[in-house]
Amino acid sequence: MQEKRGRSKDEEKRGQIIDAAGALFVEHGFEKVSMEGIAKSAGVSKQTVYSHFGNKQQLFTAAIDAKCEEYDLVPEKHGAEMDFETYLNYFCTHLTSLLSSDEAIAIFRVCVRESGNTEVGELFWAAGPGKIRQRLYDYLGEQCRLGHLQINNIEFATSQLIAMIHSETQFRSLLCLTQSKSPADLEAYARSCVQIFLKAYRS
């Protein structure tokens, strides 16, 4: 089996910068974090940070992008390899894990805390929820064209499936309440959401 190519030094530095930025945004919020502070935390020069990212907005977007990619929610990468039911289970279980993760809860709290700053909300929506929603919308549309699903309003159906995935676990975590759901419980919940969805829309 062919080994994966290792990351170049340039890619490693970019990853360091994104990791440092993500941690600082979670701890201090968007407004209080500076490019200089990110550089110091990443152990690189400010010039290096600017060579990878033109501004703090790009870094905030990259940090959210990286977290979404970590949970592998890209239909283009797997949609053609799985039948539609298997893929929907895959997508929803991974989305459930992402939404209930400590990092996602923390960055959501940052956005709520800085809700008066519309820029932060727009950046978060475009890089995270908006992008995930659009990819699911496109996937459902393709499955309708292939005859696997019968959906009159794909926008509604996309919202319905994502709304179901926002579970009690996520809501309790946002409120800093204890929750006892295991990863297995979350996966079972996500799969049940898919079954309800398919009962409504399977051709």
N, C-alpha and C. Protein backbone atom coordinates (compact mmCIF):
# COMPACT_ATOMS: atom_id res chain seq x y z
N MET A 1 0.84 -1.18 0.00
CA MET A 1 0.00 0.00 0.00
C MET A 1 0.88 1.25 0.00
N GLN A 2 0.51 2.22 -0.81
CA GLN A 2 1.33 3.42 -0.93
C GLN A 2 1.17 4.30 0.30
N GLU A 3 2.27 4.78 0.84
CA GLU A 3 2.23 5.63 2.03
C GLU A 3 1.81 7.03 1.64
N LYS A 4 1.11 7.68 2.57
CA LYS A 4 0.71 9.05 2.33
C LYS A 4 1.92 9.97 2.39
N ARG A 5 1.91 10.95 1.53
CA ARG A 5 3.01 11.91 1.53
C ARG A 5 2.96 12.74 2.81
N GLY A 6 4.10 12.88 3.45
CA GLY A 6 4.17 13.70 4.64
C GLY A 6 3.98 15.17 4.33
N ARG A 7 3.57 15.91 5.33
CA ARG A 7 3.36 17.34 5.13
C ARG A 7 4.70 18.06 4.98
N SER A 8 4.72 19.04 4.10
CA SER A 8 5.93 19.84 3.93
C SER A 8 6.08 20.77 5.14
N LYS A 9 7.25 21.38 5.27
CA LYS A 9 7.47 22.31 6.37
C LYS A 9 6.51 23.48 6.29
N ASP A 10 6.23 23.91 5.05
CA ASP A 10 5.30 25.01 4.86
C ASP A 10 3.90 24.63 5.33
N GLU A 11 3.48 23.41 5.02
CA GLU A 11 2.16 22.93 5.46
C GLU A 11 2.13 22.76 6.98
N GLU A 12 3.24 22.31 7.55
CA GLU A 12 3.30 22.15 9.00
C GLU A 12 3.18 23.50 9.71
N LYS A 13 3.85 24.51 9.17
CA LYS A 13 3.75 25.84 9.77
C LYS A 13 2.33 26.38 9.66
N ARG A 14 1.71 26.14 8.50
CA ARG A 14 0.32 26.59 8.32
C ARG A 14 -0.58 25.92 9.35
N GLY A 15 -0.37 24.61 9.55
CA GLY A 15 -1.15 23.89 10.54
C GLY A 15 -0.93 24.42 11.95
N GLN A 16 0.33 24.73 12.29
CA GLN A 16 0.65 25.32 13.60
C GLN A 16 -0.10 26.62 13.81
N ILE A 17 -0.11 27.44 12.78
CA ILE A 17 -0.77 28.75 12.87
C ILE A 17 -2.27 28.58 13.07
N ILE A 18 -2.88 27.68 12.31
CA ILE A 18 -4.32 27.45 12.44
C ILE A 18 -4.66 26.92 13.82
N ASP A 19 -3.86 25.96 14.32
CA ASP A 19 -4.11 25.40 15.65
C ASP A 19 -4.00 26.47 16.72
N ALA A 20 -2.96 27.30 16.63
CA ALA A 20 -2.77 28.36 17.61
C ALA A 20 -3.91 29.37 17.55
N ALA A 21 -4.30 29.74 16.35
CA ALA A 21 -5.39 30.71 16.18
C ALA A 21 -6.68 30.17 16.75
N GLY A 22 -6.99 28.90 16.44
CA GLY A 22 -8.22 28.30 16.93
C GLY A 22 -8.29 28.31 18.45
N ALA A 23 -7.17 27.95 19.10
CA ALA A 23 -7.13 27.93 20.57
C ALA A 23 -7.32 29.33 21.15
N LEU A 24 -6.69 30.33 20.53
CA LEU A 24 -6.81 31.70 21.02
C LEU A 24 -8.21 32.26 20.80
N PHE A 25 -8.81 31.97 19.67
CA PHE A 25 -10.18 32.45 19.41
C PHE A 25 -11.15 31.88 20.45
N VAL A 26 -10.98 30.60 20.77
CA VAL A 26 -11.84 29.97 21.75
C VAL A 26 -11.65 30.59 23.13
N GLU A 27 -10.40 30.86 23.49
CA GLU A 27 -10.10 31.37 24.84
C GLU A 27 -10.45 32.84 25.00
N HIS A 28 -10.18 33.65 23.97
CA HIS A 28 -10.31 35.10 24.13
C HIS A 28 -11.38 35.75 23.26
N GLY A 29 -11.94 35.00 22.32
CA GLY A 29 -12.89 35.61 21.39
C GLY A 29 -12.17 36.18 20.17
N PHE A 30 -12.95 36.63 19.22
CA PHE A 30 -12.37 37.12 17.96
C PHE A 30 -11.70 38.47 18.13
N GLU A 31 -12.38 39.41 18.77
CA GLU A 31 -11.90 40.79 18.83
C GLU A 31 -10.58 40.93 19.58
N LYS A 32 -10.39 40.17 20.63
CA LYS A 32 -9.22 40.36 21.50
C LYS A 32 -7.97 39.64 21.00
N VAL A 33 -8.11 38.86 19.95
CA VAL A 33 -6.96 38.12 19.42
C VAL A 33 -6.31 38.94 18.30
N SER A 34 -4.98 39.03 18.34
CA SER A 34 -4.24 39.77 17.32
C SER A 34 -3.38 38.82 16.50
N MET A 35 -3.00 39.24 15.32
CA MET A 35 -2.11 38.44 14.47
C MET A 35 -0.77 38.26 15.17
N GLU A 36 -0.33 39.27 15.89
CA GLU A 36 0.94 39.17 16.63
C GLU A 36 0.84 38.11 17.72
N GLY A 37 -0.31 38.08 18.41
CA GLY A 37 -0.52 37.08 19.45
C GLY A 37 -0.57 35.67 18.88
N ILE A 38 -1.17 35.53 17.71
CA ILE A 38 -1.23 34.22 17.06
C ILE A 38 0.17 33.76 16.68
N ALA A 39 0.96 34.68 16.12
CA ALA A 39 2.33 34.35 15.74
C ALA A 39 3.14 33.87 16.94
N LYS A 40 3.01 34.58 18.05
CA LYS A 40 3.74 34.23 19.26
C LYS A 40 3.32 32.85 19.76
N SER A 41 2.02 32.59 19.77
CA SER A 41 1.52 31.31 20.25
C SER A 41 1.94 30.17 19.33
N ALA A 42 2.01 30.44 18.02
CA ALA A 42 2.39 29.40 17.05
C ALA A 42 3.90 29.21 16.98
N GLY A 43 4.66 30.12 17.57
CA GLY A 43 6.11 30.01 17.53
C GLY A 43 6.71 30.38 16.20
N VAL A 44 6.04 31.32 15.50
CA VAL A 44 6.53 31.78 14.20
C VAL A 44 6.53 33.31 14.20
N SER A 45 7.11 33.89 13.15
CA SER A 45 7.13 35.34 13.06
C SER A 45 5.77 35.85 12.55
N LYS A 46 5.50 37.12 12.84
CA LYS A 46 4.26 37.72 12.34
C LYS A 46 4.27 37.73 10.81
N GLN A 47 5.44 37.91 10.22
CA GLN A 47 5.55 37.89 8.77
C GLN A 47 5.14 36.53 8.19
N THR A 48 5.51 35.46 8.91
CA THR A 48 5.13 34.12 8.46
C THR A 48 3.61 33.95 8.50
N VAL A 49 3.00 34.47 9.55
CA VAL A 49 1.53 34.38 9.64
C VAL A 49 0.89 35.09 8.45
N TYR A 50 1.37 36.30 8.15
CA TYR A 50 0.80 37.08 7.05
C TYR A 50 1.11 36.46 5.68
N SER A 51 2.19 35.69 5.60
CA SER A 51 2.49 35.03 4.33
C SER A 51 1.50 33.91 4.02
N HIS A 52 0.86 33.37 5.06
CA HIS A 52 -0.13 32.32 4.89
C HIS A 52 -1.55 32.86 4.89
N PHE A 53 -1.79 33.88 5.69
CA PHE A 53 -3.14 34.43 5.85
C PHE A 53 -3.07 35.95 5.82
N GLY A 54 -3.85 36.54 4.94
CA GLY A 54 -3.78 37.99 4.75
C GLY A 54 -4.30 38.79 5.92
N ASN A 55 -5.22 38.20 6.70
CA ASN A 55 -5.80 38.93 7.82
C ASN A 55 -6.41 37.95 8.83
N LYS A 56 -6.89 38.51 9.93
CA LYS A 56 -7.44 37.68 11.00
C LYS A 56 -8.73 36.98 10.57
N GLN A 57 -9.49 37.62 9.70
CA GLN A 57 -10.73 37.02 9.21
C GLN A 57 -10.45 35.71 8.46
N GLN A 58 -9.40 35.73 7.63
CA GLN A 58 -9.03 34.52 6.90
C GLN A 58 -8.60 33.40 7.84
N LEU A 59 -7.92 33.78 8.91
CA LEU A 59 -7.46 32.79 9.89
C LEU A 59 -8.64 32.19 10.64
N PHE A 60 -9.61 33.00 11.01
CA PHE A 60 -10.80 32.53 11.70
C PHE A 60 -11.54 31.52 10.82
N THR A 61 -11.69 31.87 9.55
CA THR A 61 -12.34 30.98 8.59
C THR A 61 -11.56 29.68 8.45
N ALA A 62 -10.23 29.78 8.35
CA ALA A 62 -9.39 28.59 8.19
C ALA A 62 -9.49 27.67 9.39
N ALA A 63 -9.59 28.24 10.59
CA ALA A 63 -9.70 27.43 11.81
C ALA A 63 -11.00 26.63 11.81
N ILE A 64 -12.10 27.26 11.37
CA ILE A 64 -13.38 26.56 11.31
C ILE A 64 -13.36 25.52 10.20
N ASP A 65 -12.80 25.88 9.05
CA ASP A 65 -12.65 24.94 7.93
C ASP A 65 -11.90 23.68 8.37
N ALA A 66 -10.81 23.89 9.10
CA ALA A 66 -9.98 22.77 9.53
C ALA A 66 -10.75 21.81 10.43
N LYS A 67 -11.57 22.38 11.31
CA LYS A 67 -12.36 21.52 12.20
C LYS A 67 -13.41 20.74 11.42
N CYS A 68 -14.06 21.37 10.45
CA CYS A 68 -15.04 20.66 9.62
C CYS A 68 -14.37 19.55 8.81
N GLU A 69 -13.18 19.84 8.27
CA GLU A 69 -12.46 18.84 7.49
C GLU A 69 -12.04 17.66 8.37
N GLU A 70 -11.71 17.96 9.62
CA GLU A 70 -11.32 16.90 10.55
C GLU A 70 -12.43 15.87 10.72
N TYR A 71 -13.69 16.35 10.67
CA TYR A 71 -14.83 15.45 10.82
C TYR A 71 -15.32 14.92 9.48
N ASP A 72 -14.65 15.28 8.40
CA ASP A 72 -14.83 14.64 7.10
C ASP A 72 -16.27 14.70 6.60
N LEU A 73 -16.80 15.92 6.48
CA LEU A 73 -18.19 16.09 6.07
C LEU A 73 -18.32 16.53 4.62
N VAL A 74 -17.45 16.03 3.76
CA VAL A 74 -17.45 16.49 2.37
C VAL A 74 -18.05 15.42 1.47
N PRO A 75 -19.29 15.62 0.98
CA PRO A 75 -19.91 14.61 0.13
C PRO A 75 -19.09 14.24 -1.09
N GLU A 76 -18.37 15.21 -1.67
CA GLU A 76 -17.60 14.94 -2.88
C GLU A 76 -16.59 13.81 -2.68
N LYS A 77 -16.12 13.65 -1.44
CA LYS A 77 -15.08 12.67 -1.17
C LYS A 77 -15.64 11.26 -1.00
N HIS A 78 -16.91 11.16 -0.58
CA HIS A 78 -17.43 9.84 -0.25
C HIS A 78 -18.76 9.52 -0.92
N GLY A 79 -19.47 10.52 -1.40
CA GLY A 79 -20.79 10.28 -1.94
C GLY A 79 -20.82 9.24 -3.03
N ALA A 80 -19.81 9.24 -3.92
CA ALA A 80 -19.80 8.31 -5.04
C ALA A 80 -19.41 6.90 -4.60
N GLU A 81 -18.83 6.77 -3.42
CA GLU A 81 -18.34 5.47 -2.96
C GLU A 81 -19.38 4.72 -2.15
N MET A 82 -20.45 5.37 -1.73
CA MET A 82 -21.45 4.75 -0.85
C MET A 82 -22.84 4.89 -1.46
N ASP A 83 -23.73 3.94 -1.12
CA ASP A 83 -25.12 4.15 -1.50
C ASP A 83 -25.66 5.28 -0.63
N PHE A 84 -26.76 5.87 -1.04
CA PHE A 84 -27.21 7.11 -0.41
C PHE A 84 -27.57 6.92 1.06
N GLU A 85 -28.14 5.78 1.46
CA GLU A 85 -28.49 5.58 2.87
C GLU A 85 -27.23 5.46 3.72
N THR A 86 -26.25 4.71 3.23
CA THR A 86 -24.99 4.58 3.96
C THR A 86 -24.32 5.93 4.12
N TYR A 87 -24.34 6.72 3.03
CA TYR A 87 -23.71 8.03 3.13
C TYR A 87 -24.44 8.95 4.10
N LEU A 88 -25.77 8.96 4.07
CA LEU A 88 -26.51 9.82 4.99
C LEU A 88 -26.23 9.44 6.44
N ASN A 89 -26.11 8.13 6.71
CA ASN A 89 -25.73 7.69 8.06
C ASN A 89 -24.34 8.19 8.41
N TYR A 90 -23.43 8.06 7.45
CA TYR A 90 -22.05 8.54 7.65
C TYR A 90 -22.05 10.04 7.95
N PHE A 91 -22.72 10.80 7.11
CA PHE A 91 -22.75 12.26 7.25
C PHE A 91 -23.34 12.67 8.60
N CYS A 92 -24.48 12.07 8.95
CA CYS A 92 -25.18 12.50 10.16
C CYS A 92 -24.46 12.08 11.44
N THR A 93 -23.83 10.90 11.45
CA THR A 93 -23.08 10.50 12.65
C THR A 93 -21.87 11.41 12.84
N HIS A 94 -21.19 11.77 11.74
CA HIS A 94 -20.05 12.66 11.85
C HIS A 94 -20.47 14.07 12.24
N LEU A 95 -21.61 14.54 11.70
CA LEU A 95 -22.09 15.87 12.06
C LEU A 95 -22.50 15.92 13.53
N THR A 96 -23.13 14.86 14.02
CA THR A 96 -23.49 14.80 15.43
C THR A 96 -22.26 14.89 16.32
N SER A 97 -21.21 14.18 15.93
CA SER A 97 -19.96 14.23 16.70
C SER A 97 -19.35 15.62 16.68
N LEU A 98 -19.38 16.26 15.51
CA LEU A 98 -18.83 17.61 15.40
C LEU A 98 -19.60 18.58 16.27
N LEU A 99 -20.92 18.57 16.16
CA LEU A 99 -21.75 19.55 16.88
C LEU A 99 -21.63 19.41 18.40
N SER A 100 -21.36 18.20 18.87
CA SER A 100 -21.25 17.99 20.31
C SER A 100 -19.81 18.03 20.81
N SER A 101 -18.85 18.31 19.92
CA SER A 101 -17.45 18.36 20.33
C SER A 101 -17.16 19.61 21.15
N ASP A 102 -16.17 19.52 22.01
CA ASP A 102 -15.80 20.66 22.86
C ASP A 102 -15.42 21.88 22.02
N GLU A 103 -14.71 21.65 20.91
CA GLU A 103 -14.25 22.77 20.08
C GLU A 103 -15.43 23.49 19.43
N ALA A 104 -16.40 22.73 18.91
CA ALA A 104 -17.55 23.34 18.27
C ALA A 104 -18.40 24.11 19.27
N ILE A 105 -18.60 23.54 20.44
CA ILE A 105 -19.36 24.22 21.49
C ILE A 105 -18.66 25.52 21.88
N ALA A 106 -17.34 25.46 22.02
CA ALA A 106 -16.58 26.64 22.44
C ALA A 106 -16.65 27.75 21.41
N ILE A 107 -16.49 27.42 20.11
CA ILE A 107 -16.50 28.46 19.10
C ILE A 107 -17.90 29.02 18.91
N PHE A 108 -18.93 28.20 19.12
CA PHE A 108 -20.30 28.69 19.07
C PHE A 108 -20.55 29.70 20.19
N ARG A 109 -20.00 29.41 21.37
CA ARG A 109 -20.15 30.36 22.48
C ARG A 109 -19.45 31.68 22.17
N VAL A 110 -18.30 31.61 21.49
CA VAL A 110 -17.61 32.84 21.09
C VAL A 110 -18.51 33.67 20.19
N CYS A 111 -19.15 33.04 19.22
CA CYS A 111 -20.02 33.76 18.29
C CYS A 111 -21.21 34.38 19.01
N VAL A 112 -21.77 33.66 19.99
CA VAL A 112 -22.90 34.19 20.76
C VAL A 112 -22.43 35.36 21.62
N ARG A 113 -21.25 35.19 22.23
CA ARG A 113 -20.70 36.23 23.11
C ARG A 113 -20.44 37.52 22.33
N GLU A 114 -20.05 37.38 21.07
CA GLU A 114 -19.76 38.55 20.25
C GLU A 114 -20.86 38.77 19.22
N SER A 115 -22.10 38.49 19.63
CA SER A 115 -23.22 38.55 18.69
C SER A 115 -23.45 39.95 18.13
N GLY A 116 -22.97 40.98 18.83
CA GLY A 116 -23.09 42.34 18.30
C GLY A 116 -22.17 42.59 17.12
N ASN A 117 -21.19 41.72 16.94
CA ASN A 117 -20.25 41.83 15.83
C ASN A 117 -20.73 40.94 14.69
N THR A 118 -21.46 41.52 13.74
CA THR A 118 -22.04 40.71 12.67
C THR A 118 -20.97 40.03 11.83
N GLU A 119 -19.77 40.60 11.78
CA GLU A 119 -18.69 40.01 10.98
C GLU A 119 -18.36 38.62 11.49
N VAL A 120 -18.28 38.46 12.81
CA VAL A 120 -17.94 37.16 13.38
C VAL A 120 -19.01 36.13 13.02
N GLY A 121 -20.27 36.51 13.16
CA GLY A 121 -21.35 35.60 12.82
C GLY A 121 -21.34 35.20 11.36
N GLU A 122 -21.09 36.16 10.49
CA GLU A 122 -21.06 35.87 9.05
C GLU A 122 -19.89 34.95 8.71
N LEU A 123 -18.73 35.20 9.29
CA LEU A 123 -17.56 34.35 9.03
C LEU A 123 -17.81 32.93 9.50
N PHE A 124 -18.39 32.80 10.69
CA PHE A 124 -18.67 31.47 11.25
C PHE A 124 -19.68 30.73 10.38
N TRP A 125 -20.75 31.44 9.98
CA TRP A 125 -21.78 30.79 9.17
C TRP A 125 -21.22 30.34 7.82
N ALA A 126 -20.46 31.20 7.17
CA ALA A 126 -19.95 30.88 5.84
C ALA A 126 -18.97 29.71 5.87
N ALA A 127 -18.11 29.65 6.89
CA ALA A 127 -17.08 28.62 6.94
C ALA A 127 -17.58 27.31 7.52
N GLY A 128 -18.61 27.37 8.38
CA GLY A 128 -19.09 26.18 9.05
C GLY A 128 -20.50 25.77 8.65
N PRO A 129 -21.52 26.22 9.39
CA PRO A 129 -22.90 25.78 9.12
C PRO A 129 -23.37 26.01 7.69
N GLY A 130 -23.05 27.17 7.12
CA GLY A 130 -23.50 27.46 5.76
C GLY A 130 -22.90 26.52 4.74
N LYS A 131 -21.61 26.23 4.90
CA LYS A 131 -20.93 25.34 3.95
C LYS A 131 -21.44 23.90 4.08
N ILE A 132 -21.62 23.44 5.31
CA ILE A 132 -22.13 22.09 5.54
C ILE A 132 -23.54 21.96 4.97
N ARG A 133 -24.35 22.98 5.22
CA ARG A 133 -25.72 22.97 4.72
C ARG A 133 -25.75 22.93 3.19
N GLN A 134 -24.91 23.72 2.53
CA GLN A 134 -24.89 23.76 1.07
C GLN A 134 -24.47 22.42 0.49
N ARG A 135 -23.49 21.79 1.12
CA ARG A 135 -23.03 20.50 0.62
C ARG A 135 -24.09 19.43 0.77
N LEU A 136 -24.83 19.47 1.89
CA LEU A 136 -25.92 18.51 2.06
C LEU A 136 -27.05 18.80 1.07
N TYR A 137 -27.36 20.06 0.87
CA TYR A 137 -28.37 20.47 -0.10
C TYR A 137 -28.02 19.93 -1.49
N ASP A 138 -26.78 20.12 -1.90
CA ASP A 138 -26.33 19.64 -3.22
C ASP A 138 -26.43 18.12 -3.31
N TYR A 139 -26.05 17.43 -2.23
CA TYR A 139 -26.09 15.97 -2.23
C TYR A 139 -27.52 15.46 -2.35
N LEU A 140 -28.42 16.05 -1.58
CA LEU A 140 -29.82 15.62 -1.64
C LEU A 140 -30.40 15.88 -3.03
N GLY A 141 -30.04 17.02 -3.62
CA GLY A 141 -30.50 17.31 -4.98
C GLY A 141 -30.03 16.26 -5.97
N GLU A 142 -28.77 15.85 -5.84
CA GLU A 142 -28.23 14.83 -6.73
C GLU A 142 -28.95 13.49 -6.54
N GLN A 143 -29.24 13.13 -5.28
CA GLN A 143 -29.95 11.87 -5.03
C GLN A 143 -31.38 11.90 -5.57
N CYS A 144 -31.98 13.08 -5.59
CA CYS A 144 -33.31 13.22 -6.21
C CYS A 144 -33.20 13.01 -7.72
N ARG A 145 -32.18 13.58 -8.33
CA ARG A 145 -31.99 13.42 -9.78
C ARG A 145 -31.72 11.96 -10.15
N LEU A 146 -31.06 11.24 -9.24
CA LEU A 146 -30.77 9.82 -9.48
C LEU A 146 -31.98 8.92 -9.20
N GLY A 147 -33.03 9.51 -8.61
CA GLY A 147 -34.24 8.76 -8.34
C GLY A 147 -34.28 8.04 -7.01
N HIS A 148 -33.30 8.28 -6.14
CA HIS A 148 -33.27 7.62 -4.84
C HIS A 148 -34.18 8.29 -3.82
N LEU A 149 -34.32 9.60 -3.94
CA LEU A 149 -35.16 10.37 -3.03
C LEU A 149 -36.20 11.14 -3.83
N GLN A 150 -37.31 11.44 -3.19
CA GLN A 150 -38.35 12.24 -3.82
C GLN A 150 -38.67 13.40 -2.87
N ILE A 151 -38.08 14.56 -3.16
CA ILE A 151 -38.20 15.73 -2.28
C ILE A 151 -38.73 16.89 -3.10
N ASN A 152 -39.85 17.44 -2.69
CA ASN A 152 -40.41 18.59 -3.40
C ASN A 152 -39.68 19.89 -3.08
N ASN A 153 -39.24 20.03 -1.84
CA ASN A 153 -38.54 21.24 -1.41
C ASN A 153 -37.23 20.83 -0.73
N ILE A 154 -36.15 20.85 -1.48
CA ILE A 154 -34.86 20.38 -0.96
C ILE A 154 -34.35 21.30 0.15
N GLU A 155 -34.63 22.59 0.05
CA GLU A 155 -34.20 23.52 1.11
C GLU A 155 -34.84 23.15 2.44
N PHE A 156 -36.15 22.87 2.42
CA PHE A 156 -36.83 22.46 3.65
C PHE A 156 -36.24 21.16 4.18
N ALA A 157 -36.05 20.19 3.29
CA ALA A 157 -35.55 18.88 3.71
C ALA A 157 -34.15 18.99 4.33
N THR A 158 -33.32 19.84 3.75
CA THR A 158 -31.98 20.06 4.30
C THR A 158 -32.07 20.61 5.72
N SER A 159 -32.92 21.59 5.91
CA SER A 159 -33.09 22.19 7.24
C SER A 159 -33.65 21.17 8.23
N GLN A 160 -34.58 20.35 7.77
CA GLN A 160 -35.20 19.36 8.65
C GLN A 160 -34.18 18.35 9.16
N LEU A 161 -33.33 17.84 8.27
CA LEU A 161 -32.35 16.83 8.68
C LEU A 161 -31.32 17.44 9.63
N ILE A 162 -30.82 18.62 9.31
CA ILE A 162 -29.83 19.26 10.18
C ILE A 162 -30.44 19.61 11.53
N ALA A 163 -31.71 20.06 11.52
CA ALA A 163 -32.37 20.41 12.79
C ALA A 163 -32.50 19.19 13.69
N MET A 164 -32.80 18.03 13.10
CA MET A 164 -32.89 16.81 13.92
C MET A 164 -31.55 16.46 14.55
N ILE A 165 -30.46 16.72 13.82
CA ILE A 165 -29.13 16.35 14.29
C ILE A 165 -28.69 17.19 15.50
N HIS A 166 -29.24 18.40 15.61
CA HIS A 166 -28.92 19.24 16.78
C HIS A 166 -29.60 18.62 18.01
N SER A 167 -28.89 17.75 18.69
CA SER A 167 -29.48 16.91 19.73
C SER A 167 -29.49 17.58 21.10
N GLU A 168 -30.12 16.88 22.04
CA GLU A 168 -30.15 17.31 23.44
C GLU A 168 -28.73 17.47 23.98
N THR A 169 -27.83 16.58 23.57
CA THR A 169 -26.45 16.63 24.05
C THR A 169 -25.80 17.96 23.72
N GLN A 170 -25.98 18.43 22.49
CA GLN A 170 -25.40 19.70 22.09
C GLN A 170 -26.00 20.84 22.90
N PHE A 171 -27.31 20.85 23.06
CA PHE A 171 -27.99 21.93 23.77
C PHE A 171 -27.56 21.98 25.23
N ARG A 172 -27.47 20.84 25.88
CA ARG A 172 -27.04 20.79 27.28
C ARG A 172 -25.59 21.27 27.41
N SER A 173 -24.76 20.89 26.44
CA SER A 173 -23.36 21.32 26.47
C SER A 173 -23.25 22.84 26.33
N LEU A 174 -24.07 23.42 25.46
CA LEU A 174 -24.06 24.87 25.28
C LEU A 174 -24.41 25.58 26.58
N LEU A 175 -25.28 24.96 27.39
CA LEU A 175 -25.71 25.54 28.65
C LEU A 175 -24.81 25.14 29.82
N CYS A 176 -23.69 24.46 29.50
CA CYS A 176 -22.73 23.99 30.52
C CYS A 176 -23.37 23.01 31.51
N LEU A 177 -24.34 22.24 31.02
CA LEU A 177 -24.98 21.22 31.84
C LEU A 177 -24.33 19.87 31.55
N THR A 178 -24.27 19.02 32.55
CA THR A 178 -23.67 17.71 32.34
C THR A 178 -24.55 16.88 31.43
N GLN A 179 -23.92 16.03 30.66
CA GLN A 179 -24.66 15.10 29.79
C GLN A 179 -23.94 13.77 29.78
N SER A 180 -24.74 12.71 29.70
CA SER A 180 -24.17 11.36 29.85
C SER A 180 -24.25 10.53 28.59
N LYS A 181 -24.48 11.18 27.45
CA LYS A 181 -24.58 10.43 26.20
C LYS A 181 -23.20 9.98 25.74
N SER A 182 -23.06 8.71 25.44
CA SER A 182 -21.80 8.16 24.95
C SER A 182 -21.73 8.34 23.44
N PRO A 183 -20.54 8.18 22.84
CA PRO A 183 -20.44 8.21 21.38
C PRO A 183 -21.39 7.21 20.71
N ALA A 184 -21.58 6.06 21.33
CA ALA A 184 -22.49 5.05 20.77
C ALA A 184 -23.94 5.56 20.80
N ASP A 185 -24.31 6.25 21.88
CA ASP A 185 -25.64 6.83 21.98
C ASP A 185 -25.86 7.88 20.90
N LEU A 186 -24.84 8.72 20.69
CA LEU A 186 -24.95 9.78 19.68
C LEU A 186 -25.06 9.19 18.28
N GLU A 187 -24.31 8.13 18.03
CA GLU A 187 -24.39 7.48 16.71
C GLU A 187 -25.77 6.87 16.50
N ALA A 188 -26.31 6.22 17.53
CA ALA A 188 -27.64 5.62 17.42
C ALA A 188 -28.69 6.69 17.17
N TYR A 189 -28.54 7.84 17.84
CA TYR A 189 -29.48 8.94 17.63
C TYR A 189 -29.41 9.44 16.19
N ALA A 190 -28.19 9.63 15.67
CA ALA A 190 -28.03 10.14 14.30
C ALA A 190 -28.64 9.17 13.29
N ARG A 191 -28.43 7.89 13.49
CA ARG A 191 -28.98 6.89 12.57
C ARG A 191 -30.51 6.89 12.62
N SER A 192 -31.07 7.11 13.80
CA SER A 192 -32.53 7.16 13.89
C SER A 192 -33.08 8.38 13.15
N CYS A 193 -32.33 9.48 13.16
CA CYS A 193 -32.73 10.67 12.40
C CYS A 193 -32.78 10.36 10.91
N VAL A 194 -31.79 9.62 10.44
CA VAL A 194 -31.75 9.25 9.02
C VAL A 194 -32.95 8.39 8.67
N GLN A 195 -33.31 7.45 9.54
CA GLN A 195 -34.46 6.58 9.25
C GLN A 195 -35.76 7.38 9.17
N ILE A 196 -35.93 8.32 10.06
CA ILE A 196 -37.12 9.19 10.01
C ILE A 196 -37.13 9.99 8.71
N PHE A 197 -35.97 10.51 8.34
CA PHE A 197 -35.83 11.30 7.12
C PHE A 197 -36.18 10.46 5.89
N LEU A 198 -35.67 9.23 5.85
CA LEU A 198 -35.89 8.38 4.69
C LEU A 198 -37.35 7.91 4.60
N LYS A 199 -38.01 7.75 5.73
CA LYS A 199 -39.44 7.39 5.69
C LYS A 199 -40.25 8.48 5.00
N ALA A 200 -39.80 9.70 5.14
CA ALA A 200 -40.51 10.82 4.52
C ALA A 200 -40.13 11.01 3.06
N TYR A 201 -38.87 10.72 2.70
CA TYR A 201 -38.39 11.14 1.38
C TYR A 201 -37.84 10.03 0.48
N ARG A 202 -37.75 8.81 0.95
CA ARG A 202 -37.24 7.75 0.07
C ARG A 202 -38.24 7.52 -1.07
N SER A 203 -37.74 7.36 -2.28
CA SER A 203 -38.61 7.11 -3.43
C SER A 203 -39.30 5.76 -3.30
